[in-house]
PDB file of N, CA and C in Angstrom:
ATOM      1  N   MET A   1      -1.056   0.926  33.352  1.00  0.00           N
ATOM      2  CA  MET A   1      -1.124  -0.275  34.037  1.00  0.00           C
ATOM      3  C   MET A   1      -1.232  -1.237  32.609  1.00  0.00           C
ATOM      4  N   LYS A   2      -0.783  -2.224  32.915  1.00  0.00           N
ATOM      5  CA  LYS A   2      -0.735  -3.574  31.989  1.00  0.00           C
ATOM      6  C   LYS A   2      -1.817  -4.735  32.369  1.00  0.00           C
ATOM      7  N   PHE A   3      -2.605  -4.926  31.526  1.00  0.00           N
ATOM      8  CA  PHE A   3      -3.808  -6.186  31.750  1.00  0.00           C
ATOM      9  C   PHE A   3      -3.269  -6.774  30.852  1.00  0.00           C
ATOM     10  N   LYS A   4      -2.948  -8.105  31.131  1.00  0.00           N
ATOM     11  CA  LYS A   4      -2.737  -9.226  30.029  1.00  0.00           C
ATOM     12  C   LYS A   4      -3.145 -10.875  30.393  1.00  0.00           C
ATOM     13  N   GLY A   5      -3.141 -11.557  29.573  1.00  0.00           N
ATOM     14  CA  GLY A   5      -3.471 -12.649  29.937  1.00  0.00           C
ATOM     15  C   GLY A   5      -3.440 -13.867  28.585  1.00  0.00           C
ATOM     16  N   ARG A   6      -3.945 -14.955  28.768  1.00  0.00           N
ATOM     17  CA  ARG A   6      -3.737 -16.045  27.760  1.00  0.00           C
ATOM     18  C   ARG A   6      -4.997 -16.953  27.852  1.00  0.00           C
ATOM     19  N   VAL A   7      -5.385 -17.161  26.110  1.00  0.00           N
ATOM     20  CA  VAL A   7      -6.423 -17.992  26.089  1.00  0.00           C
ATOM     21  C   VAL A   7      -5.717 -19.565  26.018  1.00  0.00           C
ATOM     22  N   VAL A   8      -6.395 -20.428  26.688  1.00  0.00           N
ATOM     23  CA  VAL A   8      -6.100 -21.740  26.518  1.00  0.00           C
ATOM     24  C   VAL A   8      -7.189 -22.807  26.292  1.00  0.00           C
ATOM     25  N   PRO A   9      -6.996 -23.843  25.472  1.00  0.00           N
ATOM     26  CA  PRO A   9      -6.033 -24.022  24.485  1.00  0.00           C
ATOM     27  C   PRO A   9      -5.550 -22.830  23.433  1.00  0.00           C
ATOM     28  N   ALA A  10      -4.378 -22.434  23.290  1.00  0.00           N
ATOM     29  CA  ALA A  10      -3.945 -21.260  22.316  1.00  0.00           C
ATOM     30  C   ALA A  10      -4.783 -21.277  20.763  1.00  0.00           C
ATOM     31  N   VAL A  11      -5.200 -20.107  20.592  1.00  0.00           N
ATOM     32  CA  VAL A  11      -6.240 -19.848  19.838  1.00  0.00           C
ATOM     33  C   VAL A  11      -5.877 -18.335  19.370  1.00  0.00           C
ATOM     34  N   GLY A  12      -5.466 -18.289  17.991  1.00  0.00           N
ATOM     35  CA  GLY A  12      -5.183 -16.659  17.694  1.00  0.00           C
ATOM     36  C   GLY A  12      -6.451 -16.424  16.726  1.00  0.00           C
ATOM     37  N   GLY A  13      -6.457 -15.052  16.921  1.00  0.00           N
ATOM     38  CA  GLY A  13      -7.600 -14.313  16.178  1.00  0.00           C
ATOM     39  C   GLY A  13      -9.000 -14.171  17.058  1.00  0.00           C
ATOM     40  N   LEU A  14      -8.907 -14.867  18.411  1.00  0.00           N
ATOM     41  CA  LEU A  14     -10.501 -14.530  19.031  1.00  0.00           C
ATOM     42  C   LEU A  14     -10.527 -13.235  19.650  1.00  0.00           C
ATOM     43  N   VAL A  15     -11.530 -12.834  19.482  1.00  0.00           N
ATOM     44  CA  VAL A  15     -11.770 -11.133  20.152  1.00  0.00           C
ATOM     45  C   VAL A  15     -11.794 -11.515  21.780  1.00  0.00           C
ATOM     46  N   VAL A  16     -11.162 -10.388  22.313  1.00  0.00           N
ATOM     47  CA  VAL A  16     -11.153 -10.548  23.848  1.00  0.00           C
ATOM     48  C   VAL A  16     -11.428  -9.137  24.290  1.00  0.00           C
ATOM     49  N   GLN A  17     -12.765  -9.050  25.102  1.00  0.00           N
ATOM     50  CA  GLN A  17     -12.940  -7.962  25.708  1.00  0.00           C
ATOM     51  C   GLN A  17     -12.722  -7.675  27.240  1.00  0.00           C
ATOM     52  N   ARG A  18     -12.243  -6.168  27.436  1.00  0.00           N
ATOM     53  CA  ARG A  18     -11.854  -5.949  28.834  1.00  0.00           C
ATOM     54  C   ARG A  18     -13.236  -5.185  29.075  1.00  0.00           C
ATOM     55  N   GLN A  19     -13.720  -5.629  30.082  1.00  0.00           N
ATOM     56  CA  GLN A  19     -15.161  -5.203  30.688  1.00  0.00           C
ATOM     57  C   GLN A  19     -15.197  -4.407  32.196  1.00  0.00           C
ATOM     58  N   MET A  20     -15.636  -3.312  32.308  1.00  0.00           N
ATOM     59  CA  MET A  20     -15.725  -2.976  33.483  1.00  0.00           C
ATOM     60  C   MET A  20     -17.118  -2.719  34.025  1.00  0.00           C
ATOM     61  N   LYS A  21     -17.533  -3.238  35.543  1.00  0.00           N
ATOM     62  CA  LYS A  21     -18.703  -2.891  35.893  1.00  0.00           C
ATOM     63  C   LYS A  21     -18.604  -1.488  36.533  1.00  0.00           C
ATOM     64  N   VAL A  22     -20.127  -1.019  35.890  1.00  0.00           N
ATOM     65  CA  VAL A  22     -20.362   0.401  36.116  1.00  0.00           C
ATOM     66  C   VAL A  22     -21.944   0.416  36.472  1.00  0.00           C
ATOM     67  N   ASP A  23     -21.962   1.018  37.967  1.00  0.00           N
ATOM     68  CA  ASP A  23     -23.444   1.042  38.066  1.00  0.00           C
ATOM     69  C   ASP A  23     -24.504  -0.231  37.537  1.00  0.00           C
ATOM     70  N   GLY A  24     -23.305  -1.526  38.166  1.00  0.00           N
ATOM     71  CA  GLY A  24     -24.107  -2.722  38.231  1.00  0.00           C
ATOM     72  C   GLY A  24     -24.249  -3.217  36.988  1.00  0.00           C
ATOM     73  N   ALA A  25     -23.655  -2.831  35.790  1.00  0.00           N
ATOM     74  CA  ALA A  25     -23.790  -3.494  34.516  1.00  0.00           C
ATOM     75  C   ALA A  25     -22.333  -3.119  33.791  1.00  0.00           C
ATOM     76  N   TRP A  26     -22.293  -4.724  33.346  1.00  0.00           N
ATOM     77  CA  TRP A  26     -20.729  -4.753  32.473  1.00  0.00           C
ATOM     78  C   TRP A  26     -20.528  -3.790  31.376  1.00  0.00           C
ATOM     79  N   THR A  27     -19.588  -3.055  31.131  1.00  0.00           N
ATOM     80  CA  THR A  27     -19.395  -2.090  30.271  1.00  0.00           C
ATOM     81  C   THR A  27     -18.425  -2.623  29.718  1.00  0.00           C
ATOM     82  N   LEU A  28     -18.354  -2.332  28.126  1.00  0.00           N
ATOM     83  CA  LEU A  28     -17.096  -2.598  27.568  1.00  0.00           C
ATOM     84  C   LEU A  28     -16.201  -1.477  27.365  1.00  0.00           C
ATOM     85  N   LYS A  29     -14.929  -1.826  27.824  1.00  0.00           N
ATOM     86  CA  LYS A  29     -13.796  -0.620  27.589  1.00  0.00           C
ATOM     87  C   LYS A  29     -12.803  -0.875  26.781  1.00  0.00           C
ATOM     88  N   ALA A  30     -12.688  -2.015  26.453  1.00  0.00           N
ATOM     89  CA  ALA A  30     -11.408  -2.039  25.039  1.00  0.00           C
ATOM     90  C   ALA A  30     -11.835  -3.575  24.580  1.00  0.00           C
ATOM     91  N   SER A  31     -11.110  -3.542  23.334  1.00  0.00           N
ATOM     92  CA  SER A  31     -11.265  -4.822  22.870  1.00  0.00           C
ATOM     93  C   SER A  31     -10.338  -5.163  21.644  1.00  0.00           C
ATOM     94  N   THR A  32      -9.403  -6.225  22.087  1.00  0.00           N
ATOM     95  CA  THR A  32      -8.233  -6.644  20.938  1.00  0.00           C
ATOM     96  C   THR A  32      -8.768  -8.151  20.596  1.00  0.00           C
ATOM     97  N   THR A  33      -7.550  -8.829  19.839  1.00  0.00           N
ATOM     98  CA  THR A  33      -7.583 -10.023  19.423  1.00  0.00           C
ATOM     99  C   THR A  33      -6.442 -10.859  19.968  1.00  0.00           C
ATOM    100  N   THR A  34      -6.693 -12.238  20.121  1.00  0.00           N
ATOM    101  CA  THR A  34      -5.458 -13.210  20.628  1.00  0.00           C
ATOM    102  C   THR A  34      -4.473 -13.160  19.497  1.00  0.00           C
ATOM    103  N   LYS A  35      -3.390 -13.328  19.986  1.00  0.00           N
ATOM    104  CA  LYS A  35      -2.011 -13.610  19.062  1.00  0.00           C
ATOM    105  C   LYS A  35      -2.135 -15.073  18.829  1.00  0.00           C
ATOM    106  N   PRO A  36      -1.256 -15.665  17.678  1.00  0.00           N
ATOM    107  CA  PRO A  36      -1.331 -17.142  17.450  1.00  0.00           C
ATOM    108  C   PRO A  36      -1.130 -17.998  18.787  1.00  0.00           C
ATOM    109  N   ASN A  37      -0.440 -17.395  19.906  1.00  0.00           N
ATOM    110  CA  ASN A  37      -0.133 -18.351  21.192  1.00  0.00           C
ATOM    111  C   ASN A  37      -1.207 -17.933  22.156  1.00  0.00           C
ATOM    112  N   GLY A  38      -2.259 -17.439  21.713  1.00  0.00           N
ATOM    113  CA  GLY A  38      -3.536 -17.222  22.662  1.00  0.00           C
ATOM    114  C   GLY A  38      -3.201 -15.973  23.587  1.00  0.00           C
ATOM    115  N   ARG A  39      -2.236 -15.099  23.439  1.00  0.00           N
ATOM    116  CA  ARG A  39      -1.853 -13.988  24.466  1.00  0.00           C
ATOM    117  C   ARG A  39      -2.698 -12.929  23.920  1.00  0.00           C
ATOM    118  N   TYR A  40      -3.177 -12.058  24.816  1.00  0.00           N
ATOM    119  CA  TYR A  40      -3.516 -10.734  24.554  1.00  0.00           C
ATOM    120  C   TYR A  40      -2.895  -9.821  25.700  1.00  0.00           C
ATOM    121  N   ARG A  41      -3.233  -8.599  25.356  1.00  0.00           N
ATOM    122  CA  ARG A  41      -3.036  -7.403  26.126  1.00  0.00           C
ATOM    123  C   ARG A  41      -3.652  -6.259  26.146  1.00  0.00           C
ATOM    124  N   PHE A  42      -3.934  -5.884  27.230  1.00  0.00           N
ATOM    125  CA  PHE A  42      -4.380  -4.158  27.407  1.00  0.00           C
ATOM    126  C   PHE A  42      -3.595  -3.025  28.255  1.00  0.00           C
ATOM    127  N   THR A  43      -3.792  -1.996  27.543  1.00  0.00           N
ATOM    128  CA  THR A  43      -2.913  -0.907  28.452  1.00  0.00           C
ATOM    129  C   THR A  43      -3.991  -0.053  28.767  1.00  0.00           C
ATOM    130  N   ILE A  44      -3.988   0.053  30.063  1.00  0.00           N
ATOM    131  CA  ILE A  44      -4.864   1.341  30.747  1.00  0.00           C
ATOM    132  C   ILE A  44      -4.067   2.441  31.002  1.00  0.00           C
ATOM    133  N   LYS A  45      -4.438   3.812  30.303  1.00  0.00           N
ATOM    134  CA  LYS A  45      -3.591   4.703  30.362  1.00  0.00           C
ATOM    135  C   LYS A  45      -4.198   5.948  31.497  1.00  0.00           C
ATOM    136  N   LYS A  46      -5.657   5.966  31.386  1.00  0.00           N
ATOM    137  CA  LYS A  46      -6.194   6.738  32.262  1.00  0.00           C
ATOM    138  C   LYS A  46      -5.575   6.964  33.691  1.00  0.00           C
ATOM    139  N   ALA A  47      -5.232   8.039  34.246  1.00  0.00           N
ATOM    140  CA  ALA A  47      -5.119   8.402  35.482  1.00  0.00           C
ATOM    141  C   ALA A  47      -6.169   8.411  36.368  1.00  0.00           C
ATOM    142  N   VAL A  48      -6.270   7.541  37.411  1.00  0.00           N
ATOM    143  CA  VAL A  48      -7.177   7.601  38.407  1.00  0.00           C
ATOM    144  C   VAL A  48      -6.663   8.027  39.749  1.00  0.00           C
ATOM    145  N   PRO A  49      -7.973   8.768  40.766  1.00  0.00           N
ATOM    146  CA  PRO A  49      -7.292   8.898  41.938  1.00  0.00           C
ATOM    147  C   PRO A  49      -7.111   7.650  42.551  1.00  0.00           C
ATOM    148  N   ALA A  50      -5.757   7.958  43.913  1.00  0.00           N
ATOM    149  CA  ALA A  50      -5.497   6.998  44.657  1.00  0.00           C
ATOM    150  C   ALA A  50      -6.804   6.699  45.553  1.00  0.00           C
ATOM    151  N   GLY A  51      -7.069   5.296  45.702  1.00  0.00           N
ATOM    152  CA  GLY A  51      -8.145   4.586  46.732  1.00  0.00           C
ATOM    153  C   GLY A  51      -9.353   4.485  45.484  1.00  0.00           C
ATOM    154  N   ALA A  52      -9.487   4.666  44.539  1.00  0.00           N
ATOM    155  CA  ALA A  52     -10.579   4.236  43.593  1.00  0.00           C
ATOM    156  C   ALA A  52     -10.228   2.640  43.236  1.00  0.00           C
ATOM    157  N   GLN A  53     -11.533   2.336  43.170  1.00  0.00           N
ATOM    158  CA  GLN A  53     -11.745   0.927  43.028  1.00  0.00           C
ATOM    159  C   GLN A  53     -12.604   0.438  41.494  1.00  0.00           C
ATOM    160  N   TYR A  54     -11.894  -0.492  41.027  1.00  0.00           N
ATOM    161  CA  TYR A  54     -13.018  -1.171  39.659  1.00  0.00           C
ATOM    162  C   TYR A  54     -12.784  -2.187  39.984  1.00  0.00           C
ATOM    163  N   GLU A  55     -14.313  -2.759  39.168  1.00  0.00           N
ATOM    164  CA  GLU A  55     -14.176  -4.475  38.919  1.00  0.00           C
ATOM    165  C   GLU A  55     -14.206  -4.636  37.560  1.00  0.00           C
ATOM    166  N   TYR A  56     -13.049  -5.666  37.240  1.00  0.00           N
ATOM    167  CA  TYR A  56     -12.872  -5.797  35.685  1.00  0.00           C
ATOM    168  C   TYR A  56     -13.386  -7.328  35.589  1.00  0.00           C
ATOM    169  N   ARG A  57     -13.377  -7.853  34.350  1.00  0.00           N
ATOM    170  CA  ARG A  57     -13.397  -8.985  33.763  1.00  0.00           C
ATOM    171  C   ARG A  57     -13.049  -9.098  32.213  1.00  0.00           C
ATOM    172  N   VAL A  58     -12.830 -10.520  31.967  1.00  0.00           N
ATOM    173  CA  VAL A  58     -12.389 -10.485  30.451  1.00  0.00           C
ATOM    174  C   VAL A  58     -13.273 -11.565  30.056  1.00  0.00           C
ATOM    175  N   VAL A  59     -13.748 -11.351  28.633  1.00  0.00           N
ATOM    176  CA  VAL A  59     -14.877 -11.800  28.067  1.00  0.00           C
ATOM    177  C   VAL A  59     -14.257 -12.373  26.660  1.00  0.00           C
ATOM    178  N   VAL A  60     -14.416 -13.562  26.233  1.00  0.00           N
ATOM    179  CA  VAL A  60     -13.536 -14.207  24.928  1.00  0.00           C
ATOM    180  C   VAL A  60     -14.833 -14.611  23.970  1.00  0.00           C
ATOM    181  N   LEU A  61     -14.721 -14.288  22.752  1.00  0.00           N
ATOM    182  CA  LEU A  61     -15.594 -14.279  21.690  1.00  0.00           C
ATOM    183  C   LEU A  61     -15.186 -14.801  20.448  1.00  0.00           C
ATOM    184  N   GLN A  62     -15.678 -16.115  19.979  1.00  0.00           N
ATOM    185  CA  GLN A  62     -15.455 -16.454  18.821  1.00  0.00           C
ATOM    186  C   GLN A  62     -16.803 -16.255  17.667  1.00  0.00           C
ATOM    187  N   ASN A  63     -16.317 -15.630  16.750  1.00  0.00           N
ATOM    188  CA  ASN A  63     -17.369 -15.826  15.668  1.00  0.00           C
ATOM    189  C   ASN A  63     -18.713 -14.855  16.310  1.00  0.00           C
ATOM    190  N   GLY A  64     -18.388 -13.780  17.034  1.00  0.00           N
ATOM    191  CA  GLY A  64     -19.453 -13.204  17.937  1.00  0.00           C
ATOM    192  C   GLY A  64     -20.149 -13.912  19.261  1.00  0.00           C
ATOM    193  N   THR A  65     -19.952 -15.010  19.113  1.00  0.00           N
ATOM    194  CA  THR A  65     -20.400 -15.787  20.426  1.00  0.00           C
ATOM    195  C   THR A  65     -19.485 -15.899  21.502  1.00  0.00           C
ATOM    196  N   GLU A  66     -19.897 -15.663  22.909  1.00  0.00           N
ATOM    197  CA  GLU A  66     -19.086 -15.742  24.203  1.00  0.00           C
ATOM    198  C   GLU A  66     -18.719 -16.958  24.181  1.00  0.00           C
ATOM    199  N   ILE A  67     -17.566 -17.523  24.299  1.00  0.00           N
ATOM    200  CA  ILE A  67     -16.970 -18.631  24.776  1.00  0.00           C
ATOM    201  C   ILE A  67     -16.698 -18.915  25.808  1.00  0.00           C
ATOM    202  N   ALA A  68     -15.918 -17.816  26.796  1.00  0.00           N
ATOM    203  CA  ALA A  68     -15.504 -17.992  27.707  1.00  0.00           C
ATOM    204  C   ALA A  68     -15.524 -16.391  28.685  1.00  0.00           C
ATOM    205  N   ALA A  69     -15.552 -16.611  29.856  1.00  0.00           N
ATOM    206  CA  ALA A  69     -15.316 -15.050  30.735  1.00  0.00           C
ATOM    207  C   ALA A  69     -14.499 -15.643  31.639  1.00  0.00           C
ATOM    208  N   SER A  70     -13.541 -14.649  32.263  1.00  0.00           N
ATOM    209  CA  SER A  70     -12.882 -14.523  33.358  1.00  0.00           C
ATOM    210  C   SER A  70     -14.113 -14.645  34.558  1.00  0.00           C
ATOM    211  N   PRO A  71     -13.571 -14.947  36.127  1.00  0.00           N
ATOM    212  CA  PRO A  71     -13.983 -14.351  37.136  1.00  0.00           C
ATOM    213  C   PRO A  71     -13.644 -13.200  37.298  1.00  0.00           C
ATOM    214  N   SER A  72     -14.790 -11.997  37.985  1.00  0.00           N
ATOM    215  CA  SER A  72     -14.224 -11.093  38.049  1.00  0.00           C
ATOM    216  C   SER A  72     -13.344 -10.491  39.136  1.00  0.00           C
ATOM    217  N   GLY A  73     -12.724  -9.414  39.013  1.00  0.00           N
ATOM    218  CA  GLY A  73     -11.376  -8.871  39.917  1.00  0.00           C
ATOM    219  C   GLY A  73     -11.428  -7.501  40.531  1.00  0.00           C
ATOM    220  N   ILE A  74     -11.243  -7.214  41.469  1.00  0.00           N
ATOM    221  CA  ILE A  74     -10.864  -5.736  42.027  1.00  0.00           C
ATOM    222  C   ILE A  74     -10.066  -5.198  41.857  1.00  0.00           C
ATOM    223  N   ILE A  75      -9.414  -4.025  41.017  1.00  0.00           N
ATOM    224  CA  ILE A  75      -8.297  -3.459  41.287  1.00  0.00           C
ATOM    225  C   ILE A  75      -8.624  -2.020  41.773  1.00  0.00           C
ATOM    226  N   SER A  76      -7.655  -1.915  43.017  1.00  0.00           N
ATOM    227  CA  SER A  76      -7.511  -1.085  44.055  1.00  0.00           C
ATOM    228  C   SER A  76      -6.485   0.103  43.532  1.00  0.00           C
ATOM    229  N   ILE A  77      -6.397   1.123  43.260  1.00  0.00           N
ATOM    230  CA  ILE A  77      -5.642   2.224  42.982  1.00  0.00           C
ATOM    231  C   ILE A  77      -4.571   2.713  44.294  1.00  0.00           C
ATOM    232  N   ARG A  78      -3.493   2.553  44.323  1.00  0.00           N
ATOM    233  CA  ARG A  78      -2.935   3.113  45.329  1.00  0.00           C
ATOM    234  C   ARG A  78      -1.937   4.266  45.016  1.00  0.00           C
ATOM    235  N   LYS A  79      -1.455   4.876  46.049  1.00  0.00           N
ATOM    236  CA  LYS A  79      -0.344   6.310  45.590  1.00  0.00           C
ATOM    237  C   LYS A  79       0.751   5.718  44.820  1.00  0.00           C
TER     238      LYS A  79
END
């Protein structure tokens, strides 16, 4: 599964974290940096059972300080 987006205004080198809610707390699952056009991408390779639901969000950091966070979204796994 691909998980991608873009930071606006476009800034390269920002840290982007993909976080998943686990037992009510946000947990870091992966981290990457933005390209000069502000784009980022994560690939989720883990096989999960049909019917599973996960809540994700993306957090953007600049020099270690959170500067933006997406609304959370639910991903439901289908067959």
